[in-house]
PDB file of all heavy atoms in Angstrom:
ATOM      1  N   GLN A   1     175.484  79.040  74.138  1.00  0.00           N
ATOM      2  CA  GLN A   1     174.720  77.853  74.092  1.00  0.00           C
ATOM      3  C   GLN A   1     173.428  78.073  73.330  1.00  0.00           C
ATOM      4  O   GLN A   1     172.775  79.109  73.533  1.00  0.00           O
ATOM      5  CB  GLN A   1     174.334  77.283  75.573  1.00  0.00           C
ATOM      6  CG  GLN A   1     173.381  76.141  75.549  1.00  0.00           C
ATOM      7  CD  GLN A   1     173.022  75.756  77.098  1.00  0.00           C
ATOM      8  OE1 GLN A   1     173.471  76.495  77.969  1.00  0.00           O
ATOM      9  NE2 GLN A   1     172.345  74.707  77.205  1.00  0.00           N
ATOM     10  N   VAL A   2     173.068  77.262  72.400  1.00  0.00           N
ATOM     11  CA  VAL A   2     171.987  77.313  71.529  1.00  0.00           C
ATOM     12  C   VAL A   2     170.854  76.711  72.136  1.00  0.00           C
ATOM     13  O   VAL A   2     170.888  75.366  72.381  1.00  0.00           O
ATOM     14  CB  VAL A   2     172.216  76.934  70.075  1.00  0.00           C
ATOM     15  CG1 VAL A   2     171.045  76.975  69.249  1.00  0.00           C
ATOM     16  CG2 VAL A   2     173.284  77.602  69.394  1.00  0.00           C
ATOM     17  N   ILE A   3     169.707  77.396  72.440  1.00  0.00           N
ATOM     18  CA  ILE A   3     168.541  76.747  73.020  1.00  0.00           C
ATOM     19  C   ILE A   3     167.470  76.606  72.022  1.00  0.00           C
ATOM     20  O   ILE A   3     166.997  77.703  71.422  1.00  0.00           O
ATOM     21  CB  ILE A   3     168.100  77.585  74.217  1.00  0.00           C
ATOM     22  CG1 ILE A   3     169.187  77.675  75.295  1.00  0.00           C
ATOM     23  CG2 ILE A   3     166.818  76.857  74.888  1.00  0.00           C
ATOM     24  CD1 ILE A   3     168.884  78.577  76.488  1.00  0.00           C
ATOM     25  N   ASP A   4     167.038  75.465  71.693  1.00  0.00           N
ATOM     26  CA  ASP A   4     166.006  75.240  70.722  1.00  0.00           C
ATOM     27  C   ASP A   4     164.722  75.085  71.413  1.00  0.00           C
ATOM     28  O   ASP A   4     164.308  74.078  71.867  1.00  0.00           O
ATOM     29  CB  ASP A   4     166.348  73.969  69.916  1.00  0.00           C
ATOM     30  CG  ASP A   4     165.455  73.774  68.642  1.00  0.00           C
ATOM     31  OD1 ASP A   4     164.586  74.699  68.434  1.00  0.00           O
ATOM     32  OD2 ASP A   4     165.407  72.684  68.169  1.00  0.00           O
ATOM     33  N   ARG A   5     164.003  76.173  71.355  1.00  0.00           N
ATOM     34  CA  ARG A   5     162.626  76.251  72.079  1.00  0.00           C
ATOM     35  C   ARG A   5     161.516  75.810  71.123  1.00  0.00           C
ATOM     36  O   ARG A   5     161.565  76.354  69.946  1.00  0.00           O
ATOM     37  CB  ARG A   5     162.407  77.657  72.646  1.00  0.00           C
ATOM     38  CG  ARG A   5     163.482  78.099  73.664  1.00  0.00           C
ATOM     39  CD  ARG A   5     163.099  79.479  74.215  1.00  0.00           C
ATOM     40  NE  ARG A   5     161.792  79.307  74.998  1.00  0.00           N
ATOM     41  CZ  ARG A   5     161.210  80.399  75.611  1.00  0.00           C
ATOM     42  NH1 ARG A   5     161.816  81.626  75.449  1.00  0.00           N
ATOM     43  NH2 ARG A   5     160.115  80.264  76.259  1.00  0.00           N
ATOM     44  N   PRO A   6     160.607  75.086  71.539  1.00  0.00           N
ATOM     45  CA  PRO A   6     159.447  74.573  70.654  1.00  0.00           C
ATOM     46  C   PRO A   6     158.600  75.811  70.322  1.00  0.00           C
ATOM     47  O   PRO A   6     158.418  76.695  71.151  1.00  0.00           O
ATOM     48  CB  PRO A   6     158.747  73.552  71.358  1.00  0.00           C
ATOM     49  CG  PRO A   6     159.123  73.851  72.834  1.00  0.00           C
ATOM     50  CD  PRO A   6     160.488  74.449  72.858  1.00  0.00           C
ATOM     51  N   ASN A   7     158.040  75.812  69.108  1.00  0.00           N
ATOM     52  CA  ASN A   7     157.076  76.913  68.626  1.00  0.00           C
ATOM     53  C   ASN A   7     155.735  76.450  69.156  1.00  0.00           C
ATOM     54  O   ASN A   7     155.112  75.513  68.459  1.00  0.00           O
ATOM     55  CB  ASN A   7     157.125  77.110  67.166  1.00  0.00           C
ATOM     56  CG  ASN A   7     156.314  78.229  66.677  1.00  0.00           C
ATOM     57  OD1 ASN A   7     155.578  78.774  67.510  1.00  0.00           O
ATOM     58  ND2 ASN A   7     156.421  78.468  65.389  1.00  0.00           N
ATOM     59  N   THR A   8     155.187  77.017  70.042  1.00  0.00           N
ATOM     60  CA  THR A   8     153.899  76.659  70.622  1.00  0.00           C
ATOM     61  C   THR A   8     152.785  77.591  70.152  1.00  0.00           C
ATOM     62  O   THR A   8     151.675  77.467  70.740  1.00  0.00           O
ATOM     63  CB  THR A   8     153.900  76.667  72.079  1.00  0.00           C
ATOM     64  OG1 THR A   8     154.221  78.037  72.610  1.00  0.00           O
ATOM     65  CG2 THR A   8     154.938  75.705  72.728  1.00  0.00           C
ATOM     66  N   LEU A   9     153.022  78.462  69.224  1.00  0.00           N
ATOM     67  CA  LEU A   9     152.060  79.474  68.768  1.00  0.00           C
ATOM     68  C   LEU A   9     150.827  78.743  68.155  1.00  0.00           C
ATOM     69  O   LEU A   9     149.628  79.100  68.479  1.00  0.00           O
ATOM     70  CB  LEU A   9     152.664  80.379  67.722  1.00  0.00           C
ATOM     71  CG  LEU A   9     151.682  81.412  67.056  1.00  0.00           C
ATOM     72  CD1 LEU A   9     151.127  82.243  68.156  1.00  0.00           C
ATOM     73  CD2 LEU A   9     152.390  82.381  66.092  1.00  0.00           C
ATOM     74  N   ILE A  10     151.057  77.749  67.336  1.00  0.00           N
ATOM     75  CA  ILE A  10     149.936  77.074  66.710  1.00  0.00           C
ATOM     76  C   ILE A  10     149.104  76.294  67.759  1.00  0.00           C
ATOM     77  O   ILE A  10     147.764  76.300  67.629  1.00  0.00           O
ATOM     78  CB  ILE A  10     150.516  76.019  65.642  1.00  0.00           C
ATOM     79  CG1 ILE A  10     151.156  76.670  64.512  1.00  0.00           C
ATOM     80  CG2 ILE A  10     149.235  75.224  65.175  1.00  0.00           C
ATOM     81  CD1 ILE A  10     151.711  75.857  63.406  1.00  0.00           C
ATOM     82  N   GLN A  11     149.817  75.820  68.808  1.00  0.00           N
ATOM     83  CA  GLN A  11     149.090  75.120  69.833  1.00  0.00           C
ATOM     84  C   GLN A  11     148.172  76.073  70.488  1.00  0.00           C
ATOM     85  O   GLN A  11     147.097  75.787  71.022  1.00  0.00           O
ATOM     86  CB  GLN A  11     150.081  74.343  70.778  1.00  0.00           C
ATOM     87  CG  GLN A  11     150.669  73.179  70.012  1.00  0.00           C
ATOM     88  CD  GLN A  11     151.677  72.445  71.026  1.00  0.00           C
ATOM     89  OE1 GLN A  11     152.436  73.194  71.682  1.00  0.00           O
ATOM     90  NE2 GLN A  11     151.666  71.205  71.010  1.00  0.00           N
ATOM     91  N   LYS A  12     148.741  77.219  70.759  1.00  0.00           N
ATOM     92  CA  LYS A  12     147.992  78.287  71.540  1.00  0.00           C
ATOM     93  C   LYS A  12     146.740  78.705  70.655  1.00  0.00           C
ATOM     94  O   LYS A  12     145.755  79.019  71.310  1.00  0.00           O
ATOM     95  CB  LYS A  12     148.789  79.407  71.787  1.00  0.00           C
ATOM     96  CG  LYS A  12     149.942  79.146  72.839  1.00  0.00           C
ATOM     97  CD  LYS A  12     150.747  80.382  73.132  1.00  0.00           C
ATOM     98  CE  LYS A  12     151.898  80.098  74.134  1.00  0.00           C
ATOM     99  NZ  LYS A  12     152.683  81.383  74.372  1.00  0.00           N
ATOM    100  N   LEU A  13     146.873  78.718  69.358  1.00  0.00           N
ATOM    101  CA  LEU A  13     145.779  79.232  68.623  1.00  0.00           C
ATOM    102  C   LEU A  13     144.741  78.075  68.444  1.00  0.00           C
ATOM    103  O   LEU A  13     143.431  78.438  68.436  1.00  0.00           O
ATOM    104  CB  LEU A  13     146.293  79.643  67.228  1.00  0.00           C
ATOM    105  CG  LEU A  13     147.127  80.917  67.135  1.00  0.00           C
ATOM    106  CD1 LEU A  13     147.620  81.031  65.709  1.00  0.00           C
ATOM    107  CD2 LEU A  13     146.339  82.071  67.596  1.00  0.00           C
ATOM    108  N   ASN A  14     145.110  76.892  68.257  1.00  0.00           N
ATOM    109  CA  ASN A  14     144.194  75.824  67.948  1.00  0.00           C
ATOM    110  C   ASN A  14     143.615  75.120  69.301  1.00  0.00           C
ATOM    111  O   ASN A  14     142.664  74.484  69.212  1.00  0.00           O
ATOM    112  CB  ASN A  14     144.904  74.764  66.932  1.00  0.00           C
ATOM    113  CG  ASN A  14     145.222  75.449  65.725  1.00  0.00           C
ATOM    114  OD1 ASN A  14     144.559  76.353  65.281  1.00  0.00           O
ATOM    115  ND2 ASN A  14     146.232  74.941  65.092  1.00  0.00           N
ATOM    116  N   GLY A  15     144.466  75.173  70.261  1.00  0.00           N
ATOM    117  CA  GLY A  15     144.030  74.445  71.576  1.00  0.00           C
ATOM    118  C   GLY A  15     144.811  73.138  71.628  1.00  0.00           C
ATOM    119  O   GLY A  15     145.120  72.478  70.602  1.00  0.00           O
ATOM    120  N   PRO A  16     145.204  72.672  72.754  1.00  0.00           N
ATOM    121  CA  PRO A  16     146.028  71.520  72.847  1.00  0.00           C
ATOM    122  C   PRO A  16     145.291  70.191  72.488  1.00  0.00           C
ATOM    123  O   PRO A  16     145.935  69.298  72.139  1.00  0.00           O
ATOM    124  CB  PRO A  16     146.461  71.585  74.345  1.00  0.00           C
ATOM    125  CG  PRO A  16     145.260  72.351  75.030  1.00  0.00           C
ATOM    126  CD  PRO A  16     144.907  73.341  74.017  1.00  0.00           C
ATOM    127  N   GLU A  17     143.985  70.273  72.576  1.00  0.00           N
ATOM    128  CA  GLU A  17     143.410  68.961  72.293  1.00  0.00           C
ATOM    129  C   GLU A  17     143.267  68.504  70.906  1.00  0.00           C
ATOM    130  O   GLU A  17     142.958  67.379  70.549  1.00  0.00           O
ATOM    131  CB  GLU A  17     141.836  69.071  72.811  1.00  0.00           C
ATOM    132  CG  GLU A  17     140.975  69.964  72.041  1.00  0.00           C
ATOM    133  CD  GLU A  17     141.078  71.452  72.295  1.00  0.00           C
ATOM    134  OE1 GLU A  17     141.888  71.797  73.109  1.00  0.00           O
ATOM    135  OE2 GLU A  17     140.367  72.238  71.537  1.00  0.00           O
ATOM    136  N   VAL A  18     143.632  69.511  69.952  1.00  0.00           N
ATOM    137  CA  VAL A  18     143.455  69.088  68.478  1.00  0.00           C
ATOM    138  C   VAL A  18     144.928  68.846  67.906  1.00  0.00           C
ATOM    139  O   VAL A  18     144.994  68.531  66.754  1.00  0.00           O
ATOM    140  CB  VAL A  18     142.779  70.185  67.766  1.00  0.00           C
ATOM    141  CG1 VAL A  18     141.317  70.300  68.199  1.00  0.00           C
ATOM    142  CG2 VAL A  18     143.551  71.525  67.813  1.00  0.00           C
ATOM    143  N   GLY A  19     145.940  69.196  68.572  1.00  0.00           N
ATOM    144  CA  GLY A  19     147.294  68.972  68.064  1.00  0.00           C
ATOM    145  C   GLY A  19     147.826  69.989  67.302  1.00  0.00           C
ATOM    146  O   GLY A  19     147.135  71.034  66.982  1.00  0.00           O
ATOM    147  N   VAL A  20     149.114  69.885  66.966  1.00  0.00           N
ATOM    148  CA  VAL A  20     149.774  70.907  66.162  1.00  0.00           C
ATOM    149  C   VAL A  20     149.378  70.992  64.661  1.00  0.00           C
ATOM    150  O   VAL A  20     149.354  69.860  64.076  1.00  0.00           O
ATOM    151  CB  VAL A  20     151.343  70.823  66.297  1.00  0.00           C
ATOM    152  CG1 VAL A  20     152.043  71.817  65.539  1.00  0.00           C
ATOM    153  CG2 VAL A  20     151.670  70.780  67.722  1.00  0.00           C
ATOM    154  N   GLY A  21     149.108  72.105  64.154  1.00  0.00           N
ATOM    155  CA  GLY A  21     148.735  72.344  62.783  1.00  0.00           C
ATOM    156  C   GLY A  21     147.376  71.824  62.444  1.00  0.00           C
ATOM    157  O   GLY A  21     147.010  71.768  61.127  1.00  0.00           O
ATOM    158  N   VAL A  22     146.474  71.520  63.337  1.00  0.00           N
ATOM    159  CA  VAL A  22     145.102  71.099  62.989  1.00  0.00           C
ATOM    160  C   VAL A  22     144.094  72.244  63.548  1.00  0.00           C
ATOM    161  O   VAL A  22     144.245  72.506  64.800  1.00  0.00           O
ATOM    162  CB  VAL A  22     144.746  69.735  63.694  1.00  0.00           C
ATOM    163  CG1 VAL A  22     143.387  69.239  63.241  1.00  0.00           C
ATOM    164  CG2 VAL A  22     145.762  68.641  63.136  1.00  0.00           C
ATOM    165  N   ILE A  23     143.131  72.640  62.767  1.00  0.00           N
ATOM    166  CA  ILE A  23     142.171  73.622  63.118  1.00  0.00           C
ATOM    167  C   ILE A  23     140.945  72.890  63.679  1.00  0.00           C
ATOM    168  O   ILE A  23     140.440  71.999  63.080  1.00  0.00           O
ATOM    169  CB  ILE A  23     141.865  74.498  61.994  1.00  0.00           C
ATOM    170  CG1 ILE A  23     143.056  75.230  61.425  1.00  0.00           C
ATOM    171  CG2 ILE A  23     140.766  75.573  62.446  1.00  0.00           C
ATOM    172  CD1 ILE A  23     142.829  76.094  60.317  1.00  0.00           C
ATOM    173  N   ASP A  24     140.548  73.352  64.821  1.00  0.00           N
ATOM    174  CA  ASP A  24     139.305  72.676  65.458  1.00  0.00           C
ATOM    175  C   ASP A  24     138.112  72.940  64.588  1.00  0.00           C
ATOM    176  O   ASP A  24     137.651  74.042  64.396  1.00  0.00           O
ATOM    177  CB  ASP A  24     139.203  73.260  66.975  1.00  0.00           C
ATOM    178  CG  ASP A  24     138.105  72.652  67.729  1.00  0.00           C
ATOM    179  OD1 ASP A  24     137.585  71.704  67.156  1.00  0.00           O
ATOM    180  OD2 ASP A  24     137.847  72.949  68.820  1.00  0.00           O
ATOM    181  N   PRO A  25     137.494  71.898  64.227  1.00  0.00           N
ATOM    182  CA  PRO A  25     136.181  72.072  63.414  1.00  0.00           C
ATOM    183  C   PRO A  25     135.130  72.776  64.205  1.00  0.00           C
ATOM    184  O   PRO A  25     134.300  73.532  63.618  1.00  0.00           O
ATOM    185  CB  PRO A  25     135.842  70.625  63.061  1.00  0.00           C
ATOM    186  CG  PRO A  25     137.030  69.853  63.094  1.00  0.00           C
ATOM    187  CD  PRO A  25     137.830  70.513  64.298  1.00  0.00           C
ATOM    188  N   GLN A  26     135.040  72.554  65.466  1.00  0.00           N
ATOM    189  CA  GLN A  26     134.045  73.242  66.285  1.00  0.00           C
ATOM    190  C   GLN A  26     134.360  74.755  66.351  1.00  0.00           C
ATOM    191  O   GLN A  26     133.414  75.557  66.343  1.00  0.00           O
ATOM    192  CB  GLN A  26     134.027  72.571  67.651  1.00  0.00           C
ATOM    193  CG  GLN A  26     133.592  71.184  67.735  1.00  0.00           C
ATOM    194  CD  GLN A  26     133.589  70.681  69.139  1.00  0.00           C
ATOM    195  OE1 GLN A  26     133.989  71.333  70.081  1.00  0.00           O
ATOM    196  NE2 GLN A  26     133.112  69.361  69.283  1.00  0.00           N
ATOM    197  N   ALA A  27     135.637  75.143  66.321  1.00  0.00           N
ATOM    198  CA  ALA A  27     135.895  76.582  66.375  1.00  0.00           C
ATOM    199  C   ALA A  27     135.475  77.165  65.034  1.00  0.00           C
ATOM    200  O   ALA A  27     134.957  78.327  65.066  1.00  0.00           O
ATOM    201  CB  ALA A  27     137.450  76.737  66.563  1.00  0.00           C
ATOM    202  N   ILE A  28     135.662  76.483  63.968  1.00  0.00           N
ATOM    203  CA  ILE A  28     135.280  76.964  62.627  1.00  0.00           C
ATOM    204  C   ILE A  28     133.740  77.039  62.585  1.00  0.00           C
ATOM    205  O   ILE A  28     133.220  78.157  62.125  1.00  0.00           O
ATOM    206  CB  ILE A  28     135.691  76.038  61.461  1.00  0.00           C
ATOM    207  CG1 ILE A  28     137.274  76.025  61.394  1.00  0.00           C
ATOM    208  CG2 ILE A  28     135.171  76.539  60.079  1.00  0.00           C
ATOM    209  CD1 ILE A  28     137.827  75.061  60.431  1.00  0.00           C
ATOM    210  N   ALA A  29     133.080  76.210  63.097  1.00  0.00           N
ATOM    211  CA  ALA A  29     131.592  76.230  63.143  1.00  0.00           C
ATOM    212  C   ALA A  29     131.027  77.349  63.914  1.00  0.00           C
ATOM    213  O   ALA A  29     130.148  78.061  63.623  1.00  0.00           O
ATOM    214  CB  ALA A  29     131.054  74.865  63.651  1.00  0.00           C
ATOM    215  N   ARG A  30     131.776  77.604  65.066  1.00  0.00           N
ATOM    216  CA  ARG A  30     131.301  78.665  66.027  1.00  0.00           C
ATOM    217  C   ARG A  30     131.512  80.023  65.320  1.00  0.00           C
ATOM    218  O   ARG A  30     130.682  80.960  65.429  1.00  0.00           O
ATOM    219  CB  ARG A  30     132.109  78.655  67.299  1.00  0.00           C
ATOM    220  CG  ARG A  30     131.707  77.518  68.185  1.00  0.00           C
ATOM    221  CD  ARG A  30     132.234  77.788  69.577  1.00  0.00           C
ATOM    222  NE  ARG A  30     133.682  77.719  69.648  1.00  0.00           N
ATOM    223  CZ  ARG A  30     134.490  76.561  69.806  1.00  0.00           C
ATOM    224  NH1 ARG A  30     133.790  75.489  70.010  1.00  0.00           N
ATOM    225  NH2 ARG A  30     135.761  76.685  69.848  1.00  0.00           N
ATOM    226  N   ALA A  31     132.697  80.187  64.627  1.00  0.00           N
ATOM    227  CA  ALA A  31     133.121  81.384  63.806  1.00  0.00           C
ATOM    228  C   ALA A  31     132.048  81.643  62.741  1.00  0.00           C
ATOM    229  O   ALA A  31     131.466  82.798  62.567  1.00  0.00           O
ATOM    230  CB  ALA A  31     134.398  81.305  63.215  1.00  0.00           C
TER     231      ALA A  31
END
């Protein structure tokens, strides 16, 4: 059985509130 699991790495890096593939501008400002 092939299980297609979603790639949540980007969400873990960027945070769930900004969506997939979007970098939080506040995180950039803090860095």
